[in-house]
Amino acid sequence: MSTTPVRPPVNEVVISASFEPQAVLDGPRLMVGMSDILAEFPDVTEMPPYEMAAELPTAEQVLQPAVPQIQFICAPKMQRRRLWFTKTDEPALLVQAQSNYLALNWRRQDDEIEYPEFEDLLDRFSRYLSIVETACIRSGGQRLSLSQIEITYINILKPDGAWGSFRDINHVVAVQVPDMEKFEHFNLGYAQAIEDSESGAFLGRVHVAVSTAYQPKIIAGNELHPLSVRDMSPVLNLSITARSGKLSELVDTISPRFELAYSAVECAFRKITTEAARQTWGLA
């Protein structure tokens, strides 16, 4: 049995769902509908609205490519409000809400914070989703009709026992390219359909992106000075998103959809990372 501590390189997790909008959650009514969540997360920030990207089967997506939406900022009545709910004594958590969308973010504040289990985050998200639905019904609306779900994992891979510089990318990323040890930068992205294991029906899509970057090293105190290469540390940004196709689900029946999306994220993570790297993180 491995004695390596389990330290997954997860920096942020986002669990979210979109649903058919209802008038009782539009505009200022959103704050009323979120009153129970506001009691738990009293700090509120308003952000631009978010629209979840559509996922269509390959043939349909090729014929109907996604087109960026045009948003008219001069007509505020037509724009949805997206609110961020946070609290100072639990800064790792963020709840996002708008009239057709709810999300829970977990964000690592420092390297010593342990990543919670996905099941724990999903339970918490499901509770907030139920709170919004109850408030919606209480205000004269209907049960939420969930139209799409999404899970995103953002992993910041820092130098460790598996690698130390961009010359070692192939020690972490399971991709082999000639002269890879000479690469100065690396950027890879792909998408893969999520299909039903029995019927082969299209269920959604997983998106994977890996890119090189630099992060400033920790500087003692409040010392400020121009950064040089010596002040920077190489990192790999690994982002995995699993997003469903069009749904029509109720809140109390949606869990299997999230579990399937999480399984797709986990499978993609294992395919894109090397066994040696996963052993370093205690995940092999």
C-alpha atoms as a PDB file:
ATOM      1  CA  MET A   1       0.000   0.000   0.000  1.00  0.00           C
ATOM      2  CA  SER A   2       1.326   3.448  -0.956  1.00  0.00           C
ATOM      3  CA  THR A   3       2.216   5.780   1.918  1.00  0.00           C
ATOM      4  CA  THR A   4       2.332   8.870  -0.330  1.00  0.00           C
ATOM      5  CA  PRO A   5      -0.073  11.520   1.021  1.00  0.00           C
ATOM      6  CA  VAL A   6      -3.041  12.163  -1.254  1.00  0.00           C
ATOM      7  CA  ARG A   7      -2.498  15.723  -2.507  1.00  0.00           C
ATOM      8  CA  PRO A   8      -4.495  16.232  -5.717  1.00  0.00           C
ATOM      9  CA  PRO A   9      -3.339  19.408  -7.514  1.00  0.00           C
ATOM     10  CA  VAL A  10      -6.856  20.867  -7.570  1.00  0.00           C
ATOM     11  CA  ASN A  11      -6.960  24.654  -7.423  1.00  0.00           C
ATOM     12  CA  GLU A  12     -10.669  25.256  -8.104  1.00  0.00           C
ATOM     13  CA  VAL A  13     -13.870  23.274  -8.610  1.00  0.00           C
ATOM     14  CA  VAL A  14     -17.099  24.658 -10.080  1.00  0.00           C
ATOM     15  CA  ILE A  15     -20.369  22.705  -9.905  1.00  0.00           C
ATOM     16  CA  SER A  16     -23.235  24.401 -11.714  1.00  0.00           C
ATOM     17  CA  ALA A  17     -26.643  23.986 -13.304  1.00  0.00           C
ATOM     18  CA  SER A  18     -28.754  26.095 -15.626  1.00  0.00           C
ATOM     19  CA  PHE A  19     -32.534  26.032 -15.520  1.00  0.00           C
ATOM     20  CA  GLU A  20     -35.509  27.589 -17.222  1.00  0.00           C
ATOM     21  CA  PRO A  21     -35.820  31.194 -15.967  1.00  0.00           C
ATOM     22  CA  GLN A  22     -38.872  32.268 -13.979  1.00  0.00           C
ATOM     23  CA  ALA A  23     -40.159  35.794 -13.381  1.00  0.00           C
ATOM     24  CA  VAL A  24     -40.001  35.325  -9.597  1.00  0.00           C
ATOM     25  CA  LEU A  25     -36.187  35.194  -9.854  1.00  0.00           C
ATOM     26  CA  ASP A  26     -35.724  38.044 -12.341  1.00  0.00           C
ATOM     27  CA  GLY A  27     -34.138  41.379 -11.489  1.00  0.00           C
ATOM     28  CA  PRO A  28     -34.359  42.505  -7.833  1.00  0.00           C
ATOM     29  CA  ARG A  29     -36.486  39.437  -7.023  1.00  0.00           C
ATOM     30  CA  LEU A  30     -33.332  37.327  -7.259  1.00  0.00           C
ATOM     31  CA  MET A  31     -32.047  38.753  -3.980  1.00  0.00           C
ATOM     32  CA  VAL A  32     -35.339  37.825  -2.298  1.00  0.00           C
ATOM     33  CA  GLY A  33     -35.161  34.302  -3.684  1.00  0.00           C
ATOM     34  CA  MET A  34     -31.616  33.965  -2.379  1.00  0.00           C
ATOM     35  CA  SER A  35     -32.408  35.281   1.121  1.00  0.00           C
ATOM     36  CA  ASP A  36     -31.588  31.980   2.896  1.00  0.00           C
ATOM     37  CA  ILE A  37     -28.264  31.727   1.053  1.00  0.00           C
ATOM     38  CA  LEU A  38     -27.621  35.416   1.759  1.00  0.00           C
ATOM     39  CA  ALA A  39     -27.964  34.641   5.473  1.00  0.00           C
ATOM     40  CA  GLU A  40     -25.094  32.150   5.107  1.00  0.00           C
ATOM     41  CA  PHE A  41     -23.020  34.181   2.615  1.00  0.00           C
ATOM     42  CA  PRO A  42     -23.637  37.858   3.480  1.00  0.00           C
ATOM     43  CA  ASP A  43     -21.090  39.464   1.129  1.00  0.00           C
ATOM     44  CA  VAL A  44     -22.546  40.139  -2.326  1.00  0.00           C
ATOM     45  CA  THR A  45     -20.877  41.246  -5.561  1.00  0.00           C
ATOM     46  CA  GLU A  46     -22.620  41.768  -8.894  1.00  0.00           C
ATOM     47  CA  MET A  47     -20.958  40.291 -11.992  1.00  0.00           C
ATOM     48  CA  PRO A  48     -21.776  40.105 -15.729  1.00  0.00           C
ATOM     49  CA  PRO A  49     -24.278  37.346 -16.573  1.00  0.00           C
ATOM     50  CA  TYR A  50     -23.096  33.868 -17.537  1.00  0.00           C
ATOM     51  CA  GLU A  51     -24.576  31.689 -20.259  1.00  0.00           C
ATOM     52  CA  MET A  52     -23.617  28.023 -20.332  1.00  0.00           C
ATOM     53  CA  ALA A  53     -22.369  26.925 -23.750  1.00  0.00           C
ATOM     54  CA  ALA A  54     -24.618  24.534 -25.660  1.00  0.00           C
ATOM     55  CA  GLU A  55     -23.373  21.004 -26.282  1.00  0.00           C
ATOM     56  CA  LEU A  56     -24.767  19.277 -29.373  1.00  0.00           C
ATOM     57  CA  PRO A  57     -23.933  15.934 -31.021  1.00  0.00           C
ATOM     58  CA  THR A  58     -20.973  16.256 -33.377  1.00  0.00           C
ATOM     59  CA  ALA A  59     -22.995  16.320 -36.615  1.00  0.00           C
ATOM     60  CA  GLU A  60     -25.350  19.011 -35.305  1.00  0.00           C
ATOM     61  CA  GLN A  61     -22.533  21.058 -33.792  1.00  0.00           C
ATOM     62  CA  VAL A  62     -20.654  21.116 -37.104  1.00  0.00           C
ATOM     63  CA  LEU A  63     -23.773  22.320 -38.921  1.00  0.00           C
ATOM     64  CA  GLN A  64     -24.678  24.804 -36.174  1.00  0.00           C
ATOM     65  CA  PRO A  65     -21.393  26.245 -34.851  1.00  0.00           C
ATOM     66  CA  ALA A  66     -21.610  28.196 -31.625  1.00  0.00           C
ATOM     67  CA  VAL A  67     -21.887  31.946 -32.177  1.00  0.00           C
ATOM     68  CA  PRO A  68     -20.962  34.394 -29.381  1.00  0.00           C
ATOM     69  CA  GLN A  69     -24.007  36.132 -27.972  1.00  0.00           C
ATOM     70  CA  ILE A  70     -24.300  39.877 -28.383  1.00  0.00           C
ATOM     71  CA  GLN A  71     -25.208  41.588 -25.098  1.00  0.00           C
ATOM     72  CA  PHE A  72     -26.585  45.128 -25.166  1.00  0.00           C
ATOM     73  CA  ILE A  73     -25.332  46.851 -22.042  1.00  0.00           C
ATOM     74  CA  CYS A  74     -27.553  49.860 -22.780  1.00  0.00           C
ATOM     75  CA  ALA A  75     -30.705  47.865 -21.986  1.00  0.00           C
ATOM     76  CA  PRO A  76     -30.315  46.793 -18.332  1.00  0.00           C
ATOM     77  CA  LYS A  77     -33.872  45.450 -18.146  1.00  0.00           C
ATOM     78  CA  MET A  78     -32.921  42.777 -20.670  1.00  0.00           C
ATOM     79  CA  GLN A  79     -29.786  41.676 -18.821  1.00  0.00           C
ATOM     80  CA  ARG A  80     -29.774  39.059 -16.117  1.00  0.00           C
ATOM     81  CA  ARG A  81     -28.042  39.812 -12.843  1.00  0.00           C
ATOM     82  CA  ARG A  82     -25.382  37.391 -11.639  1.00  0.00           C
ATOM     83  CA  LEU A  83     -24.590  37.666  -7.959  1.00  0.00           C
ATOM     84  CA  TRP A  84     -21.578  36.287  -6.117  1.00  0.00           C
ATOM     85  CA  PHE A  85     -22.218  35.323  -2.485  1.00  0.00           C
ATOM     86  CA  THR A  86     -19.207  34.910  -0.167  1.00  0.00           C
ATOM     87  CA  LYS A  87     -18.313  35.115   3.521  1.00  0.00           C
ATOM     88  CA  THR A  88     -15.074  36.104   5.207  1.00  0.00           C
ATOM     89  CA  ASP A  89     -14.836  33.127   7.577  1.00  0.00           C
ATOM     90  CA  GLU A  90     -15.115  30.563   4.740  1.00  0.00           C
ATOM     91  CA  PRO A  91     -13.328  32.246   1.804  1.00  0.00           C
ATOM     92  CA  ALA A  92     -12.840  29.005  -0.129  1.00  0.00           C
ATOM     93  CA  LEU A  93     -16.533  28.892  -1.062  1.00  0.00           C
ATOM     94  CA  LEU A  94     -18.439  31.048  -3.527  1.00  0.00           C
ATOM     95  CA  VAL A  95     -22.085  30.745  -4.574  1.00  0.00           C
ATOM     96  CA  GLN A  96     -23.067  32.237  -7.945  1.00  0.00           C
ATOM     97  CA  ALA A  97     -26.696  32.877  -8.825  1.00  0.00           C
ATOM     98  CA  GLN A  98     -28.802  34.402 -11.571  1.00  0.00           C
ATOM     99  CA  SER A  99     -32.380  33.822 -12.657  1.00  0.00           C
ATOM    100  CA  ASN A 100     -31.432  30.779 -14.754  1.00  0.00           C
ATOM    101  CA  TYR A 101     -28.173  29.594 -13.181  1.00  0.00           C
ATOM    102  CA  LEU A 102     -26.661  28.454  -9.876  1.00  0.00           C
ATOM    103  CA  ALA A 103     -23.053  27.474  -9.155  1.00  0.00           C
ATOM    104  CA  LEU A 104     -20.843  26.537  -6.222  1.00  0.00           C
ATOM    105  CA  ASN A 105     -17.105  27.267  -6.427  1.00  0.00           C
ATOM    106  CA  TRP A 106     -14.451  25.825  -4.154  1.00  0.00           C
ATOM    107  CA  ARG A 107     -11.193  27.761  -4.435  1.00  0.00           C
ATOM    108  CA  ARG A 108      -7.903  26.769  -2.797  1.00  0.00           C
ATOM    109  CA  GLN A 109      -6.616  29.673  -0.717  1.00  0.00           C
ATOM    110  CA  ASP A 110      -3.173  28.212   0.000  1.00  0.00           C
ATOM    111  CA  ASP A 111      -1.263  24.964  -0.479  1.00  0.00           C
ATOM    112  CA  GLU A 112      -2.059  23.736   3.039  1.00  0.00           C
ATOM    113  CA  ILE A 113      -5.825  23.651   2.474  1.00  0.00           C
ATOM    114  CA  GLU A 114      -7.081  20.156   1.734  1.00  0.00           C
ATOM    115  CA  TYR A 115      -9.315  19.559  -1.260  1.00  0.00           C
ATOM    116  CA  PRO A 116     -12.742  18.319  -0.089  1.00  0.00           C
ATOM    117  CA  GLU A 117     -14.279  15.253  -1.693  1.00  0.00           C
ATOM    118  CA  PHE A 118     -16.437  15.863  -4.757  1.00  0.00           C
ATOM    119  CA  GLU A 119     -19.385  14.176  -3.027  1.00  0.00           C
ATOM    120  CA  ASP A 120     -19.210  16.727  -0.199  1.00  0.00           C
ATOM    121  CA  LEU A 121     -19.239  19.651  -2.636  1.00  0.00           C
ATOM    122  CA  LEU A 122     -22.086  18.097  -4.620  1.00  0.00           C
ATOM    123  CA  ASP A 123     -24.154  17.607  -1.447  1.00  0.00           C
ATOM    124  CA  ARG A 124     -23.655  21.241  -0.558  1.00  0.00           C
ATOM    125  CA  PHE A 125     -24.513  22.424  -4.060  1.00  0.00           C
ATOM    126  CA  SER A 126     -27.659  20.255  -4.078  1.00  0.00           C
ATOM    127  CA  ARG A 127     -28.730  21.839  -0.791  1.00  0.00           C
ATOM    128  CA  TYR A 128     -28.382  25.348  -2.242  1.00  0.00           C
ATOM    129  CA  LEU A 129     -30.262  24.287  -5.364  1.00  0.00           C
ATOM    130  CA  SER A 130     -33.111  23.008  -3.178  1.00  0.00           C
ATOM    131  CA  ILE A 131     -33.115  26.307  -1.243  1.00  0.00           C
ATOM    132  CA  VAL A 132     -33.534  28.271  -4.483  1.00  0.00           C
ATOM    133  CA  GLU A 133     -36.326  25.963  -5.667  1.00  0.00           C
ATOM    134  CA  THR A 134     -38.182  26.268  -2.340  1.00  0.00           C
ATOM    135  CA  ALA A 135     -37.897  30.064  -2.449  1.00  0.00           C
ATOM    136  CA  CYS A 136     -39.107  30.056  -6.054  1.00  0.00           C
ATOM    137  CA  ILE A 137     -42.222  28.011  -5.188  1.00  0.00           C
ATOM    138  CA  ARG A 138     -42.847  30.090  -2.081  1.00  0.00           C
ATOM    139  CA  SER A 139     -42.892  33.219  -4.266  1.00  0.00           C
ATOM    140  CA  GLY A 140     -45.472  31.764  -6.653  1.00  0.00           C
ATOM    141  CA  GLY A 141     -43.157  30.112  -9.162  1.00  0.00           C
ATOM    142  CA  GLN A 142     -42.776  26.506 -10.280  1.00  0.00           C
ATOM    143  CA  ARG A 143     -40.294  23.718  -9.567  1.00  0.00           C
ATOM    144  CA  LEU A 144     -36.962  24.257 -11.272  1.00  0.00           C
ATOM    145  CA  SER A 145     -36.557  22.554 -14.653  1.00  0.00           C
ATOM    146  CA  LEU A 146     -32.833  21.916 -15.028  1.00  0.00           C
ATOM    147  CA  SER A 147     -31.712  22.320 -18.625  1.00  0.00           C
ATOM    148  CA  GLN A 148     -27.946  21.680 -18.386  1.00  0.00           C
ATOM    149  CA  ILE A 149     -25.220  20.866 -15.850  1.00  0.00           C
ATOM    150  CA  GLU A 150     -21.506  21.564 -15.798  1.00  0.00           C
ATOM    151  CA  ILE A 151     -18.461  20.580 -13.714  1.00  0.00           C
ATOM    152  CA  THR A 152     -15.065  22.271 -14.058  1.00  0.00           C
ATOM    153  CA  TYR A 153     -11.806  21.274 -12.380  1.00  0.00           C
ATOM    154  CA  ILE A 154      -8.860  23.675 -12.580  1.00  0.00           C
ATOM    155  CA  ASN A 155      -5.562  22.072 -11.604  1.00  0.00           C
ATOM    156  CA  ILE A 156      -2.359  24.049 -11.064  1.00  0.00           C
ATOM    157  CA  LEU A 157       0.547  21.623 -11.499  1.00  0.00           C
ATOM    158  CA  LYS A 158       3.620  22.946  -9.723  1.00  0.00           C
ATOM    159  CA  PRO A 159       7.150  21.489  -9.897  1.00  0.00           C
ATOM    160  CA  ASP A 160       7.450  18.441  -7.629  1.00  0.00           C
ATOM    161  CA  GLY A 161       9.021  14.999  -7.641  1.00  0.00           C
ATOM    162  CA  ALA A 162       7.721  14.329 -11.167  1.00  0.00           C
ATOM    163  CA  TRP A 163       9.063  17.441 -12.918  1.00  0.00           C
ATOM    164  CA  GLY A 164      11.046  20.633 -12.391  1.00  0.00           C
ATOM    165  CA  SER A 165      10.966  22.645 -15.618  1.00  0.00           C
ATOM    166  CA  PHE A 166       9.199  22.790 -18.970  1.00  0.00           C
ATOM    167  CA  ARG A 167      11.815  20.336 -20.295  1.00  0.00           C
ATOM    168  CA  ASP A 168      10.004  17.734 -18.179  1.00  0.00           C
ATOM    169  CA  ILE A 169       6.459  18.321 -19.477  1.00  0.00           C
ATOM    170  CA  ASN A 170       6.237  14.775 -20.797  1.00  0.00           C
ATOM    171  CA  HIS A 171       6.849  13.519 -17.240  1.00  0.00           C
ATOM    172  CA  VAL A 172       3.492  15.056 -16.262  1.00  0.00           C
ATOM    173  CA  VAL A 173       1.418  15.251 -19.435  1.00  0.00           C
ATOM    174  CA  ALA A 174       0.836  11.925 -21.186  1.00  0.00           C
ATOM    175  CA  VAL A 175       1.741  13.272 -24.625  1.00  0.00           C
ATOM    176  CA  GLN A 176       4.829  12.353 -26.621  1.00  0.00           C
ATOM    177  CA  VAL A 177       6.079  14.769 -29.296  1.00  0.00           C
ATOM    178  CA  PRO A 178       9.550  14.794 -30.908  1.00  0.00           C
ATOM    179  CA  ASP A 179      11.936  17.266 -29.233  1.00  0.00           C
ATOM    180  CA  MET A 180       9.398  17.901 -26.487  1.00  0.00           C
ATOM    181  CA  GLU A 181      12.232  18.447 -24.001  1.00  0.00           C
ATOM    182  CA  LYS A 182      13.184  21.583 -25.975  1.00  0.00           C
ATOM    183  CA  PHE A 183       9.721  23.182 -25.839  1.00  0.00           C
ATOM    184  CA  GLU A 184       9.607  26.658 -24.325  1.00  0.00           C
ATOM    185  CA  HIS A 185       5.800  26.728 -24.239  1.00  0.00           C
ATOM    186  CA  PHE A 186       3.085  24.101 -24.508  1.00  0.00           C
ATOM    187  CA  ASN A 187      -0.621  24.486 -25.260  1.00  0.00           C
ATOM    188  CA  LEU A 188      -2.979  21.557 -25.857  1.00  0.00           C
ATOM    189  CA  GLY A 189      -6.764  21.443 -26.048  1.00  0.00           C
ATOM    190  CA  TYR A 190      -9.268  18.810 -27.074  1.00  0.00           C
ATOM    191  CA  ALA A 191     -12.931  17.865 -26.665  1.00  0.00           C
ATOM    192  CA  GLN A 192     -14.518  14.429 -26.510  1.00  0.00           C
ATOM    193  CA  ALA A 193     -18.165  13.355 -26.537  1.00  0.00           C
ATOM    194  CA  ILE A 194     -19.659  11.727 -23.444  1.00  0.00           C
ATOM    195  CA  GLU A 195     -21.850   8.839 -24.592  1.00  0.00           C
ATOM    196  CA  ASP A 196     -24.220   6.376 -22.973  1.00  0.00           C
ATOM    197  CA  SER A 197     -22.303   3.147 -22.345  1.00  0.00           C
ATOM    198  CA  GLU A 198     -25.140   0.977 -23.682  1.00  0.00           C
ATOM    199  CA  SER A 199     -26.914   2.926 -26.414  1.00  0.00           C
ATOM    200  CA  GLY A 200     -24.091   5.211 -27.497  1.00  0.00           C
ATOM    201  CA  ALA A 201     -26.435   8.197 -27.246  1.00  0.00           C
ATOM    202  CA  PHE A 202     -24.817  11.632 -26.925  1.00  0.00           C
ATOM    203  CA  LEU A 203     -24.927  12.890 -23.309  1.00  0.00           C
ATOM    204  CA  GLY A 204     -22.522  15.796 -23.351  1.00  0.00           C
ATOM    205  CA  ARG A 205     -18.893  16.652 -23.868  1.00  0.00           C
ATOM    206  CA  VAL A 206     -15.664  16.893 -21.875  1.00  0.00           C
ATOM    207  CA  HIS A 207     -13.185  19.678 -22.667  1.00  0.00           C
ATOM    208  CA  VAL A 208      -9.504  19.427 -21.678  1.00  0.00           C
ATOM    209  CA  ALA A 209      -6.903  22.198 -21.874  1.00  0.00           C
ATOM    210  CA  VAL A 210      -3.254  22.166 -20.778  1.00  0.00           C
ATOM    211  CA  SER A 211      -0.957  25.177 -21.047  1.00  0.00           C
ATOM    212  CA  THR A 212       2.333  26.373 -19.598  1.00  0.00           C
ATOM    213  CA  ALA A 213       2.536  29.486 -17.457  1.00  0.00           C
ATOM    214  CA  TYR A 214       4.644  31.176 -14.796  1.00  0.00           C
ATOM    215  CA  GLN A 215       3.702  32.171 -11.258  1.00  0.00           C
ATOM    216  CA  PRO A 216       5.616  34.616  -9.045  1.00  0.00           C
ATOM    217  CA  LYS A 217       7.481  32.968  -6.211  1.00  0.00           C
ATOM    218  CA  ILE A 218       6.540  34.026  -2.695  1.00  0.00           C
ATOM    219  CA  ILE A 219       8.328  37.228  -1.707  1.00  0.00           C
ATOM    220  CA  ALA A 220       8.955  37.733   2.003  1.00  0.00           C
ATOM    221  CA  GLY A 221       7.071  40.583   3.617  1.00  0.00           C
ATOM    222  CA  ASN A 222       5.727  43.399   1.476  1.00  0.00           C
ATOM    223  CA  GLU A 223       8.875  43.770  -0.601  1.00  0.00           C
ATOM    224  CA  LEU A 224       8.210  45.015  -4.115  1.00  0.00           C
ATOM    225  CA  HIS A 225      10.670  44.939  -6.991  1.00  0.00           C
ATOM    226  CA  PRO A 226      10.636  44.188 -10.753  1.00  0.00           C
ATOM    227  CA  LEU A 227      10.237  40.478 -11.395  1.00  0.00           C
ATOM    228  CA  SER A 228      12.880  38.503 -13.272  1.00  0.00           C
ATOM    229  CA  VAL A 229      12.949  34.892 -14.443  1.00  0.00           C
ATOM    230  CA  ARG A 230      14.481  33.945 -11.098  1.00  0.00           C
ATOM    231  CA  ASP A 231      11.376  35.272  -9.357  1.00  0.00           C
ATOM    232  CA  MET A 232       9.051  33.090 -11.440  1.00  0.00           C
ATOM    233  CA  SER A 233       8.134  29.440 -11.080  1.00  0.00           C
ATOM    234  CA  PRO A 234       6.921  27.295 -14.022  1.00  0.00           C
ATOM    235  CA  VAL A 235       3.446  25.787 -13.708  1.00  0.00           C
ATOM    236  CA  LEU A 236       1.077  23.794 -15.894  1.00  0.00           C
ATOM    237  CA  ASN A 237      -2.560  24.828 -15.999  1.00  0.00           C
ATOM    238  CA  LEU A 238      -4.809  21.806 -16.515  1.00  0.00           C
ATOM    239  CA  SER A 239      -8.499  22.611 -16.934  1.00  0.00           C
ATOM    240  CA  ILE A 240     -11.174  19.945 -17.423  1.00  0.00           C
ATOM    241  CA  THR A 241     -14.863  20.728 -17.974  1.00  0.00           C
ATOM    242  CA  ALA A 242     -17.658  18.203 -18.401  1.00  0.00           C
ATOM    243  CA  ARG A 243     -20.887  19.737 -19.699  1.00  0.00           C
ATOM    244  CA  SER A 244     -24.151  17.967 -20.444  1.00  0.00           C
ATOM    245  CA  GLY A 245     -26.339  18.289 -23.490  1.00  0.00           C
ATOM    246  CA  LYS A 246     -29.874  19.614 -23.260  1.00  0.00           C
ATOM    247  CA  LEU A 247     -31.766  18.248 -20.252  1.00  0.00           C
ATOM    248  CA  SER A 248     -35.190  18.455 -18.672  1.00  0.00           C
ATOM    249  CA  GLU A 249     -34.629  17.250 -15.115  1.00  0.00           C
ATOM    250  CA  LEU A 250     -35.936  18.016 -11.642  1.00  0.00           C
ATOM    251  CA  VAL A 251     -33.687  18.932  -8.737  1.00  0.00           C
ATOM    252  CA  ASP A 252     -34.203  15.619  -6.936  1.00  0.00           C
ATOM    253  CA  THR A 253     -33.330  13.514 -10.013  1.00  0.00           C
ATOM    254  CA  ILE A 254     -30.198  15.331 -11.198  1.00  0.00           C
ATOM    255  CA  SER A 255     -27.504  13.625  -9.064  1.00  0.00           C
ATOM    256  CA  PRO A 256     -26.781  10.802 -11.575  1.00  0.00           C
ATOM    257  CA  ARG A 257     -26.055  13.445 -14.228  1.00  0.00           C
ATOM    258  CA  PHE A 258     -23.454  15.075 -11.991  1.00  0.00           C
ATOM    259  CA  GLU A 259     -21.924  11.717 -11.108  1.00  0.00           C
ATOM    260  CA  LEU A 260     -21.574  10.896 -14.810  1.00  0.00           C
ATOM    261  CA  ALA A 261     -19.960  14.291 -15.475  1.00  0.00           C
ATOM    262  CA  TYR A 262     -17.544  13.794 -12.583  1.00  0.00           C
ATOM    263  CA  SER A 263     -16.648  10.346 -13.904  1.00  0.00           C
ATOM    264  CA  ALA A 264     -15.843  11.932 -17.289  1.00  0.00           C
ATOM    265  CA  VAL A 265     -13.631  14.550 -15.598  1.00  0.00           C
ATOM    266  CA  GLU A 266     -11.809  11.901 -13.566  1.00  0.00           C
ATOM    267  CA  CYS A 267     -11.287   9.707 -16.651  1.00  0.00           C
ATOM    268  CA  ALA A 268      -9.922  12.660 -18.651  1.00  0.00           C
ATOM    269  CA  PHE A 269      -7.574  13.575 -15.790  1.00  0.00           C
ATOM    270  CA  ARG A 270      -6.130  10.066 -15.713  1.00  0.00           C
ATOM    271  CA  LYS A 271      -5.693   9.997 -19.484  1.00  0.00           C
ATOM    272  CA  ILE A 272      -3.919  13.346 -19.753  1.00  0.00           C
ATOM    273  CA  THR A 273      -1.557  12.863 -16.766  1.00  0.00           C
ATOM    274  CA  THR A 274       1.219  10.298 -16.416  1.00  0.00           C
ATOM    275  CA  GLU A 275       1.231   7.506 -13.876  1.00  0.00           C
ATOM    276  CA  ALA A 276       4.436   8.902 -12.360  1.00  0.00           C
ATOM    277  CA  ALA A 277       2.795  12.274 -11.749  1.00  0.00           C
ATOM    278  CA  ARG A 278      -0.283  10.675 -10.202  1.00  0.00           C
ATOM    279  CA  GLN A 279       1.952   8.618  -7.908  1.00  0.00           C
ATOM    280  CA  THR A 280       3.601  11.850  -6.742  1.00  0.00           C
ATOM    281  CA  TRP A 281       0.150  13.196  -5.854  1.00  0.00           C
ATOM    282  CA  GLY A 282      -0.840   9.910  -4.176  1.00  0.00           C
ATOM    283  CA  LEU A 283      -3.488   9.229  -6.829  1.00  0.00           C
ATOM    284  CA  ALA A 284      -2.107   6.280  -8.831  1.00  0.00           C
END
